[in-house]
Amino acid sequence: MGILPVPAKLFFEDFSNDLLTYEIFNLQEQIGVFKGLENTDESGKHIEFLVEDKPNIQVGNTITTQDKLNTYTVKNIEYDHYDGKPELIKAYY
C-alpha cells in the first residue's frame, strides 16, 4: 500500500500523454476497457488504473494494450491511497 501525495486523477492528468488504453480479460472474456499508466516501483512492473473507473482487476486476469502488441498476466494487486481512501489500483505483471 502506497500513499499518494496528490489525488490519483490529478496524477493521471499530469501524465496524460503517457496513458494507454488497456483491455482487461478474465478467462478470455473481455471485462472492460480502461486508461492506464505503466510504471515500476519497489514491488515491480505494473499498470496503474483509477479506482473510480471500477476496473475490477483480479490476479490471473490478462491485460492487453488495445493494439494487442503487449499482453500481461496479473500476478499481484496493490492499492495506493490518498487521504485514507484507495484511489489507484496497481496490477503487477
PDB file of N, CA and C in Angstrom:
ATOM      1  N   MET A   1       0.847  -1.181   0.000  1.00  0.00           N
ATOM      2  CA  MET A   1       0.000   0.000   0.000  1.00  0.00           C
ATOM      3  C   MET A   1       0.887   1.238   0.000  1.00  0.00           C
ATOM      4  N   GLY A   2       0.619   2.113  -0.946  1.00  0.00           N
ATOM      5  CA  GLY A   2       1.356   3.355  -1.022  1.00  0.00           C
ATOM      6  C   GLY A   2       0.458   4.531  -0.702  1.00  0.00           C
ATOM      7  N   ILE A   3       1.079   5.635  -0.432  1.00  0.00           N
ATOM      8  CA  ILE A   3       0.335   6.864  -0.148  1.00  0.00           C
ATOM      9  C   ILE A   3       0.661   7.876  -1.241  1.00  0.00           C
ATOM     10  N   LEU A   4      -0.356   8.388  -1.885  1.00  0.00           N
ATOM     11  CA  LEU A   4      -0.193   9.355  -2.961  1.00  0.00           C
ATOM     12  C   LEU A   4      -0.089  10.769  -2.399  1.00  0.00           C
ATOM     13  N   PRO A   5       0.805  11.603  -2.956  1.00  0.00           N
ATOM     14  CA  PRO A   5       0.911  12.985  -2.498  1.00  0.00           C
ATOM     15  C   PRO A   5      -0.186  13.888  -3.067  1.00  0.00           C
ATOM     16  N   VAL A   6      -0.828  13.424  -4.131  1.00  0.00           N
ATOM     17  CA  VAL A   6      -1.916  14.171  -4.787  1.00  0.00           C
ATOM     18  C   VAL A   6      -3.003  13.165  -5.158  1.00  0.00           C
ATOM     19  N   PRO A   7      -4.240  13.620  -5.427  1.00  0.00           N
ATOM     20  CA  PRO A   7      -5.281  12.692  -5.879  1.00  0.00           C
ATOM     21  C   PRO A   7      -4.854  11.959  -7.159  1.00  0.00           C
ATOM     22  N   ALA A   8      -5.246  10.701  -7.283  1.00  0.00           N
ATOM     23  CA  ALA A   8      -4.865   9.878  -8.434  1.00  0.00           C
ATOM     24  C   ALA A   8      -5.311  10.496  -9.753  1.00  0.00           C
ATOM     25  N   LYS A   9      -6.479  11.111  -9.770  1.00  0.00           N
ATOM     26  CA  LYS A   9      -6.977  11.720 -11.003  1.00  0.00           C
ATOM     27  C   LYS A   9      -6.036  12.835 -11.472  1.00  0.00           C
ATOM     28  N   LEU A  10      -5.527  13.625 -10.546  1.00  0.00           N
ATOM     29  CA  LEU A  10      -4.573  14.680 -10.880  1.00  0.00           C
ATOM     30  C   LEU A  10      -3.264  14.071 -11.380  1.00  0.00           C
ATOM     31  N   PHE A  11      -2.834  12.985 -10.748  1.00  0.00           N
ATOM     32  CA  PHE A  11      -1.639  12.254 -11.174  1.00  0.00           C
ATOM     33  C   PHE A  11      -1.798  11.794 -12.631  1.00  0.00           C
ATOM     34  N   PHE A  12      -2.959  11.234 -12.966  1.00  0.00           N
ATOM     35  CA  PHE A  12      -3.215  10.785 -14.337  1.00  0.00           C
ATOM     36  C   PHE A  12      -3.241  11.970 -15.305  1.00  0.00           C
ATOM     37  N   GLU A  13      -3.802  13.082 -14.880  1.00  0.00           N
ATOM     38  CA  GLU A  13      -3.830  14.273 -15.745  1.00  0.00           C
ATOM     39  C   GLU A  13      -2.411  14.761 -16.037  1.00  0.00           C
ATOM     40  N   ASP A  14      -1.539  14.699 -15.031  1.00  0.00           N
ATOM     41  CA  ASP A  14      -0.155  15.125 -15.214  1.00  0.00           C
ATOM     42  C   ASP A  14       0.591  14.249 -16.217  1.00  0.00           C
ATOM     43  N   PHE A  15       0.202  12.984 -16.320  1.00  0.00           N
ATOM     44  CA  PHE A  15       0.861  12.047 -17.227  1.00  0.00           C
ATOM     45  C   PHE A  15      -0.062  11.622 -18.374  1.00  0.00           C
ATOM     46  N   SER A  16      -0.972  12.496 -18.754  1.00  0.00           N
ATOM     47  CA  SER A  16      -1.979  12.151 -19.765  1.00  0.00           C
ATOM     48  C   SER A  16      -1.367  11.728 -21.105  1.00  0.00           C
ATOM     49  N   ASN A  17      -0.198  12.254 -21.440  1.00  0.00           N
ATOM     50  CA  ASN A  17       0.449  11.865 -22.707  1.00  0.00           C
ATOM     51  C   ASN A  17       0.994  10.443 -22.666  1.00  0.00           C
ATOM     52  N   ASP A  18       1.158   9.882 -21.467  1.00  0.00           N
ATOM     53  CA  ASP A  18       1.691   8.530 -21.319  1.00  0.00           C
ATOM     54  C   ASP A  18       0.603   7.478 -21.121  1.00  0.00           C
ATOM     55  N   LEU A  19      -0.650   7.905 -20.988  1.00  0.00           N
ATOM     56  CA  LEU A  19      -1.747   6.957 -20.772  1.00  0.00           C
ATOM     57  C   LEU A  19      -1.992   6.135 -22.027  1.00  0.00           C
ATOM     58  N   LEU A  20      -2.268   4.852 -21.817  1.00  0.00           N
ATOM     59  CA  LEU A  20      -2.652   3.958 -22.904  1.00  0.00           C
ATOM     60  C   LEU A  20      -4.005   3.344 -22.584  1.00  0.00           C
ATOM     61  N   THR A  21      -4.673   2.869 -23.598  1.00  0.00           N
ATOM     62  CA  THR A  21      -5.937   2.161 -23.407  1.00  0.00           C
ATOM     63  C   THR A  21      -5.637   0.671 -23.305  1.00  0.00           C
ATOM     64  N   TYR A  22      -6.141   0.063 -22.233  1.00  0.00           N
ATOM     65  CA  TYR A  22      -5.912  -1.361 -21.981  1.00  0.00           C
ATOM     66  C   TYR A  22      -7.246  -2.094 -21.942  1.00  0.00           C
ATOM     67  N   GLU A  23      -7.219  -3.328 -22.421  1.00  0.00           N
ATOM     68  CA  GLU A  23      -8.376  -4.218 -22.339  1.00  0.00           C
ATOM     69  C   GLU A  23      -8.081  -5.256 -21.260  1.00  0.00           C
ATOM     70  N   ILE A  24      -9.065  -5.512 -20.417  1.00  0.00           N
ATOM     71  CA  ILE A  24      -8.921  -6.471 -19.316  1.00  0.00           C
ATOM     72  C   ILE A  24      -9.751  -7.711 -19.664  1.00  0.00           C
ATOM     73  N   PHE A  25      -9.144  -8.887 -19.528  1.00  0.00           N
ATOM     74  CA  PHE A  25      -9.818 -10.142 -19.840  1.00  0.00           C
ATOM     75  C   PHE A  25      -9.788 -11.067 -18.643  1.00  0.00           C
ATOM     76  N   ASN A  26     -10.877 -11.784 -18.439  1.00  0.00           N
ATOM     77  CA  ASN A  26     -10.970 -12.845 -17.451  1.00  0.00           C
ATOM     78  C   ASN A  26     -11.390 -14.100 -18.197  1.00  0.00           C
ATOM     79  N   LEU A  27     -10.497 -15.094 -18.232  1.00  0.00           N
ATOM     80  CA  LEU A  27     -10.772 -16.327 -18.970  1.00  0.00           C
ATOM     81  C   LEU A  27     -11.185 -16.040 -20.415  1.00  0.00           C
ATOM     82  N   GLN A  28     -10.449 -15.199 -21.074  1.00  0.00           N
ATOM     83  CA  GLN A  28     -10.616 -14.817 -22.477  1.00  0.00           C
ATOM     84  C   GLN A  28     -11.872 -14.003 -22.760  1.00  0.00           C
ATOM     85  N   GLU A  29     -12.618 -13.632 -21.725  1.00  0.00           N
ATOM     86  CA  GLU A  29     -13.790 -12.773 -21.897  1.00  0.00           C
ATOM     87  C   GLU A  29     -13.425 -11.354 -21.475  1.00  0.00           C
ATOM     88  N   GLN A  30     -13.637 -10.402 -22.375  1.00  0.00           N
ATOM     89  CA  GLN A  30     -13.314  -9.017 -22.058  1.00  0.00           C
ATOM     90  C   GLN A  30     -14.263  -8.501 -20.973  1.00  0.00           C
ATOM     91  N   ILE A  31     -13.669  -7.947 -19.907  1.00  0.00           N
ATOM     92  CA  ILE A  31     -14.493  -7.422 -18.812  1.00  0.00           C
ATOM     93  C   ILE A  31     -14.417  -5.911 -18.705  1.00  0.00           C
ATOM     94  N   GLY A  32     -13.577  -5.282 -19.537  1.00  0.00           N
ATOM     95  CA  GLY A  32     -13.523  -3.829 -19.507  1.00  0.00           C
ATOM     96  C   GLY A  32     -12.389  -3.251 -20.331  1.00  0.00           C
ATOM     97  N   VAL A  33     -12.526  -1.961 -20.609  1.00  0.00           N
ATOM     98  CA  VAL A  33     -11.509  -1.191 -21.322  1.00  0.00           C
ATOM     99  C   VAL A  33     -11.256   0.070 -20.496  1.00  0.00           C
ATOM    100  N   PHE A  34      -9.980   0.303 -20.138  1.00  0.00           N
ATOM    101  CA  PHE A  34      -9.651   1.397 -19.236  1.00  0.00           C
ATOM    102  C   PHE A  34      -8.347   2.071 -19.648  1.00  0.00           C
ATOM    103  N   LYS A  35      -8.223   3.334 -19.289  1.00  0.00           N
ATOM    104  CA  LYS A  35      -6.962   4.057 -19.454  1.00  0.00           C
ATOM    105  C   LYS A  35      -6.053   3.676 -18.291  1.00  0.00           C
ATOM    106  N   GLY A  36      -4.776   3.447 -18.602  1.00  0.00           N
ATOM    107  CA  GLY A  36      -3.823   3.083 -17.566  1.00  0.00           C
ATOM    108  C   GLY A  36      -2.447   3.631 -17.861  1.00  0.00           C
ATOM    109  N   LEU A  37      -1.575   3.478 -16.887  1.00  0.00           N
ATOM    110  CA  LEU A  37      -0.236   4.029 -16.962  1.00  0.00           C
ATOM    111  C   LEU A  37       0.767   2.967 -16.515  1.00  0.00           C
ATOM    112  N   GLU A  38       1.717   2.623 -17.383  1.00  0.00           N
ATOM    113  CA  GLU A  38       2.759   1.670 -16.991  1.00  0.00           C
ATOM    114  C   GLU A  38       3.739   2.355 -16.055  1.00  0.00           C
ATOM    115  N   ASN A  39       4.196   1.591 -15.050  1.00  0.00           N
ATOM    116  CA  ASN A  39       5.103   2.158 -14.072  1.00  0.00           C
ATOM    117  C   ASN A  39       5.893   1.033 -13.413  1.00  0.00           C
ATOM    118  N   THR A  40       6.900   1.392 -12.653  1.00  0.00           N
ATOM    119  CA  THR A  40       7.703   0.448 -11.891  1.00  0.00           C
ATOM    120  C   THR A  40       7.961   1.042 -10.516  1.00  0.00           C
ATOM    121  N   ASP A  41       7.873   0.201  -9.487  1.00  0.00           N
ATOM    122  CA  ASP A  41       8.226   0.635  -8.135  1.00  0.00           C
ATOM    123  C   ASP A  41       8.980  -0.490  -7.443  1.00  0.00           C
ATOM    124  N   GLU A  42       9.154  -0.392  -6.138  1.00  0.00           N
ATOM    125  CA  GLU A  42       9.927  -1.395  -5.402  1.00  0.00           C
ATOM    126  C   GLU A  42       9.319  -2.794  -5.476  1.00  0.00           C
ATOM    127  N   SER A  43       8.037  -2.908  -5.787  1.00  0.00           N
ATOM    128  CA  SER A  43       7.383  -4.214  -5.911  1.00  0.00           C
ATOM    129  C   SER A  43       7.430  -4.765  -7.331  1.00  0.00           C
ATOM    130  N   GLY A  44       7.828  -3.956  -8.302  1.00  0.00           N
ATOM    131  CA  GLY A  44       7.967  -4.448  -9.672  1.00  0.00           C
ATOM    132  C   GLY A  44       7.205  -3.634 -10.703  1.00  0.00           C
ATOM    133  N   LYS A  45       7.139  -4.200 -11.907  1.00  0.00           N
ATOM    134  CA  LYS A  45       6.452  -3.546 -13.023  1.00  0.00           C
ATOM    135  C   LYS A  45       4.944  -3.735 -12.879  1.00  0.00           C
ATOM    136  N   HIS A  46       4.203  -2.680 -13.216  1.00  0.00           N
ATOM    137  CA  HIS A  46       2.758  -2.745 -13.078  1.00  0.00           C
ATOM    138  C   HIS A  46       2.084  -1.725 -13.993  1.00  0.00           C
ATOM    139  N   ILE A  47       0.770  -1.867 -14.100  1.00  0.00           N
ATOM    140  CA  ILE A  47      -0.066  -0.900 -14.810  1.00  0.00           C
ATOM    141  C   ILE A  47      -1.031  -0.332 -13.781  1.00  0.00           C
ATOM    142  N   GLU A  48      -1.108   1.000 -13.740  1.00  0.00           N
ATOM    143  CA  GLU A  48      -1.954   1.682 -12.765  1.00  0.00           C
ATOM    144  C   GLU A  48      -3.264   2.113 -13.415  1.00  0.00           C
ATOM    145  N   PHE A  49      -4.353   1.934 -12.671  1.00  0.00           N
ATOM    146  CA  PHE A  49      -5.682   2.341 -13.113  1.00  0.00           C
ATOM    147  C   PHE A  49      -6.357   3.130 -11.998  1.00  0.00           C
ATOM    148  N   LEU A  50      -7.266   4.005 -12.369  1.00  0.00           N
ATOM    149  CA  LEU A  50      -8.025   4.748 -11.372  1.00  0.00           C
ATOM    150  C   LEU A  50      -9.079   3.844 -10.742  1.00  0.00           C
ATOM    151  N   VAL A  51      -9.128   3.814  -9.416  1.00  0.00           N
ATOM    152  CA  VAL A  51     -10.133   3.015  -8.707  1.00  0.00           C
ATOM    153  C   VAL A  51     -11.541   3.505  -9.062  1.00  0.00           C
ATOM    154  N   GLU A  52     -11.699   4.823  -9.233  1.00  0.00           N
ATOM    155  CA  GLU A  52     -13.032   5.375  -9.532  1.00  0.00           C
ATOM    156  C   GLU A  52     -13.606   4.858 -10.848  1.00  0.00           C
ATOM    157  N   ASP A  53     -12.749   4.342 -11.748  1.00  0.00           N
ATOM    158  CA  ASP A  53     -13.230   3.760 -13.004  1.00  0.00           C
ATOM    159  C   ASP A  53     -13.761   2.342 -12.813  1.00  0.00           C
ATOM    160  N   LYS A  54     -13.550   1.773 -11.627  1.00  0.00           N
ATOM    161  CA  LYS A  54     -14.016   0.430 -11.254  1.00  0.00           C
ATOM    162  C   LYS A  54     -13.524  -0.650 -12.227  1.00  0.00           C
ATOM    163  N   PRO A  55     -12.202  -0.782 -12.358  1.00  0.00           N
ATOM    164  CA  PRO A  55     -11.679  -1.760 -13.304  1.00  0.00           C
ATOM    165  C   PRO A  55     -11.860  -3.225 -12.893  1.00  0.00           C
ATOM    166  N   ASN A  56     -12.120  -3.531 -11.611  1.00  0.00           N
ATOM    167  CA  ASN A  56     -12.382  -4.892 -11.137  1.00  0.00           C
ATOM    168  C   ASN A  56     -11.331  -5.889 -11.631  1.00  0.00           C
ATOM    169  N   ILE A  57     -10.073  -5.529 -11.485  1.00  0.00           N
ATOM    170  CA  ILE A  57      -8.970  -6.386 -11.915  1.00  0.00           C
ATOM    171  C   ILE A  57      -8.667  -7.399 -10.813  1.00  0.00           C
ATOM    172  N   GLN A  58      -8.417  -8.641 -11.220  1.00  0.00           N
ATOM    173  CA  GLN A  58      -8.121  -9.730 -10.289  1.00  0.00           C
ATOM    174  C   GLN A  58      -6.814 -10.410 -10.701  1.00  0.00           C
ATOM    175  N   VAL A  59      -6.151 -11.038  -9.741  1.00  0.00           N
ATOM    176  CA  VAL A  59      -4.982 -11.847 -10.043  1.00  0.00           C
ATOM    177  C   VAL A  59      -5.404 -12.925 -11.035  1.00  0.00           C
ATOM    178  N   GLY A  60      -4.597 -13.114 -12.072  1.00  0.00           N
ATOM    179  CA  GLY A  60      -4.900 -14.098 -13.111  1.00  0.00           C
ATOM    180  C   GLY A  60      -5.526 -13.492 -14.353  1.00  0.00           C
ATOM    181  N   ASN A  61      -6.063 -12.256 -14.249  1.00  0.00           N
ATOM    182  CA  ASN A  61      -6.609 -11.576 -15.432  1.00  0.00           C
ATOM    183  C   ASN A  61      -5.496 -11.318 -16.435  1.00  0.00           C
ATOM    184  N   THR A  62      -5.887 -11.141 -17.676  1.00  0.00           N
ATOM    185  CA  THR A  62      -4.961 -10.759 -18.726  1.00  0.00           C
ATOM    186  C   THR A  62      -5.252  -9.313 -19.108  1.00  0.00           C
ATOM    187  N   ILE A  63      -4.196  -8.532 -19.258  1.00  0.00           N
ATOM    188  CA  ILE A  63      -4.315  -7.145 -19.693  1.00  0.00           C
ATOM    189  C   ILE A  63      -3.574  -7.021 -21.014  1.00  0.00           C
ATOM    190  N   THR A  64      -4.239  -6.440 -22.009  1.00  0.00           N
ATOM    191  CA  THR A  64      -3.578  -6.214 -23.296  1.00  0.00           C
ATOM    192  C   THR A  64      -3.690  -4.741 -23.670  1.00  0.00           C
ATOM    193  N   THR A  65      -2.689  -4.277 -24.411  1.00  0.00           N
ATOM    194  CA  THR A  65      -2.823  -2.952 -24.996  1.00  0.00           C
ATOM    195  C   THR A  65      -3.880  -3.065 -26.081  1.00  0.00           C
ATOM    196  N   GLN A  66      -4.541  -1.979 -26.373  1.00  0.00           N
ATOM    197  CA  GLN A  66      -5.643  -2.025 -27.324  1.00  0.00           C
ATOM    198  C   GLN A  66      -5.184  -2.491 -28.707  1.00  0.00           C
ATOM    199  N   ASP A  67      -3.919  -2.220 -29.041  1.00  0.00           N
ATOM    200  CA  ASP A  67      -3.394  -2.666 -30.340  1.00  0.00           C
ATOM    201  C   ASP A  67      -2.958  -4.133 -30.318  1.00  0.00           C
ATOM    202  N   LYS A  68      -3.086  -4.785 -29.150  1.00  0.00           N
ATOM    203  CA  LYS A  68      -2.762  -6.197 -28.938  1.00  0.00           C
ATOM    204  C   LYS A  68      -1.270  -6.513 -29.069  1.00  0.00           C
ATOM    205  N   LEU A  69      -0.408  -5.499 -29.076  1.00  0.00           N
ATOM    206  CA  LEU A  69       1.026  -5.740 -29.200  1.00  0.00           C
ATOM    207  C   LEU A  69       1.663  -6.195 -27.887  1.00  0.00           C
ATOM    208  N   ASN A  70       1.051  -5.860 -26.754  1.00  0.00           N
ATOM    209  CA  ASN A  70       1.576  -6.252 -25.443  1.00  0.00           C
ATOM    210  C   ASN A  70       0.487  -6.928 -24.625  1.00  0.00           C
ATOM    211  N   THR A  71       0.866  -8.046 -24.005  1.00  0.00           N
ATOM    212  CA  THR A  71      -0.056  -8.811 -23.162  1.00  0.00           C
ATOM    213  C   THR A  71       0.614  -9.078 -21.821  1.00  0.00           C
ATOM    214  N   TYR A  72      -0.146  -8.883 -20.750  1.00  0.00           N
ATOM    215  CA  TYR A  72       0.373  -9.060 -19.395  1.00  0.00           C
ATOM    216  C   TYR A  72      -0.594  -9.930 -18.591  1.00  0.00           C
ATOM    217  N   THR A  73      -0.038 -10.784 -17.736  1.00  0.00           N
ATOM    218  CA  THR A  73      -0.850 -11.573 -16.805  1.00  0.00           C
ATOM    219  C   THR A  73      -0.681 -10.966 -15.417  1.00  0.00           C
ATOM    220  N   VAL A  74      -1.788 -10.658 -14.757  1.00  0.00           N
ATOM    221  CA  VAL A  74      -1.755 -10.019 -13.440  1.00  0.00           C
ATOM    222  C   VAL A  74      -1.318 -11.037 -12.390  1.00  0.00           C
ATOM    223  N   LYS A  75      -0.211 -10.721 -11.688  1.00  0.00           N
ATOM    224  CA  LYS A  75       0.331 -11.608 -10.663  1.00  0.00           C
ATOM    225  C   LYS A  75       0.040 -11.122  -9.252  1.00  0.00           C
ATOM    226  N   ASN A  76      -0.210  -9.814  -9.111  1.00  0.00           N
ATOM    227  CA  ASN A  76      -0.480  -9.240  -7.797  1.00  0.00           C
ATOM    228  C   ASN A  76      -1.227  -7.917  -7.973  1.00  0.00           C
ATOM    229  N   ILE A  77      -1.990  -7.542  -6.962  1.00  0.00           N
ATOM    230  CA  ILE A  77      -2.742  -6.282  -6.952  1.00  0.00           C
ATOM    231  C   ILE A  77      -2.377  -5.512  -5.683  1.00  0.00           C
ATOM    232  N   GLU A  78      -2.119  -4.225  -5.827  1.00  0.00           N
ATOM    233  CA  GLU A  78      -1.924  -3.343  -4.674  1.00  0.00           C
ATOM    234  C   GLU A  78      -2.679  -2.044  -4.937  1.00  0.00           C
ATOM    235  N   TYR A  79      -2.965  -1.327  -3.869  1.00  0.00           N
ATOM    236  CA  TYR A  79      -3.666  -0.050  -3.973  1.00  0.00           C
ATOM    237  C   TYR A  79      -2.818   1.063  -3.391  1.00  0.00           C
ATOM    238  N   ASP A  80      -2.853   2.225  -4.032  1.00  0.00           N
ATOM    239  CA  ASP A  80      -2.277   3.440  -3.461  1.00  0.00           C
ATOM    240  C   ASP A  80      -3.431   4.297  -2.957  1.00  0.00           C
ATOM    241  N   HIS A  81      -3.208   4.953  -1.828  1.00  0.00           N
ATOM    242  CA  HIS A  81      -4.255   5.726  -1.167  1.00  0.00           C
ATOM    243  C   HIS A  81      -3.945   7.217  -1.163  1.00  0.00           C
ATOM    244  N   TYR A  82      -4.997   8.003  -1.200  1.00  0.00           N
ATOM    245  CA  TYR A  82      -4.892   9.447  -0.994  1.00  0.00           C
ATOM    246  C   TYR A  82      -5.948   9.828   0.033  1.00  0.00           C
ATOM    247  N   ASP A  83      -5.541  10.537   1.041  1.00  0.00           N
ATOM    248  CA  ASP A  83      -6.446  10.970   2.102  1.00  0.00           C
ATOM    249  C   ASP A  83      -7.189   9.785   2.735  1.00  0.00           C
ATOM    250  N   GLY A  84      -6.467   8.663   2.866  1.00  0.00           N
ATOM    251  CA  GLY A  84      -7.020   7.486   3.520  1.00  0.00           C
ATOM    252  C   GLY A  84      -7.932   6.613   2.663  1.00  0.00           C
ATOM    253  N   LYS A  85      -8.131   6.967   1.395  1.00  0.00           N
ATOM    254  CA  LYS A  85      -9.025   6.208   0.518  1.00  0.00           C
ATOM    255  C   LYS A  85      -8.245   5.640  -0.663  1.00  0.00           C
ATOM    256  N   PRO A  86      -8.558   4.383  -1.068  1.00  0.00           N
ATOM    257  CA  PRO A  86      -7.876   3.826  -2.243  1.00  0.00           C
ATOM    258  C   PRO A  86      -8.267   4.595  -3.505  1.00  0.00           C
ATOM    259  N   GLU A  87      -7.261   5.021  -4.265  1.00  0.00           N
ATOM    260  CA  GLU A  87      -7.524   5.793  -5.481  1.00  0.00           C
ATOM    261  C   GLU A  87      -6.855   5.209  -6.715  1.00  0.00           C
ATOM    262  N   LEU A  88      -5.829   4.389  -6.504  1.00  0.00           N
ATOM    263  CA  LEU A  88      -5.077   3.856  -7.625  1.00  0.00           C
ATOM    264  C   LEU A  88      -4.911   2.353  -7.421  1.00  0.00           C
ATOM    265  N   ILE A  89      -5.294   1.559  -8.411  1.00  0.00           N
ATOM    266  CA  ILE A  89      -5.079   0.124  -8.353  1.00  0.00           C
ATOM    267  C   ILE A  89      -3.885  -0.193  -9.243  1.00  0.00           C
ATOM    268  N   LYS A  90      -2.954  -0.957  -8.685  1.00  0.00           N
ATOM    269  CA  LYS A  90      -1.740  -1.322  -9.416  1.00  0.00           C
ATOM    270  C   LYS A  90      -1.782  -2.814  -9.702  1.00  0.00           C
ATOM    271  N   ALA A  91      -1.789  -3.153 -10.999  1.00  0.00           N
ATOM    272  CA  ALA A  91      -1.809  -4.548 -11.440  1.00  0.00           C
ATOM    273  C   ALA A  91      -0.382  -4.942 -11.831  1.00  0.00           C
ATOM    274  N   TYR A  92       0.254  -5.736 -10.984  1.00  0.00           N
ATOM    275  CA  TYR A  92       1.633  -6.162 -11.242  1.00  0.00           C
ATOM    276  C   TYR A  92       1.644  -7.357 -12.180  1.00  0.00           C
ATOM    277  N   TYR A  93       2.635  -7.348 -13.064  1.00  0.00           N
ATOM    278  CA  TYR A  93       2.764  -8.453 -14.033  1.00  0.00           C
ATOM    279  C   TYR A  93       4.167  -9.020 -14.030  1.00  0.00           C
TER     280      TYR A  93
END
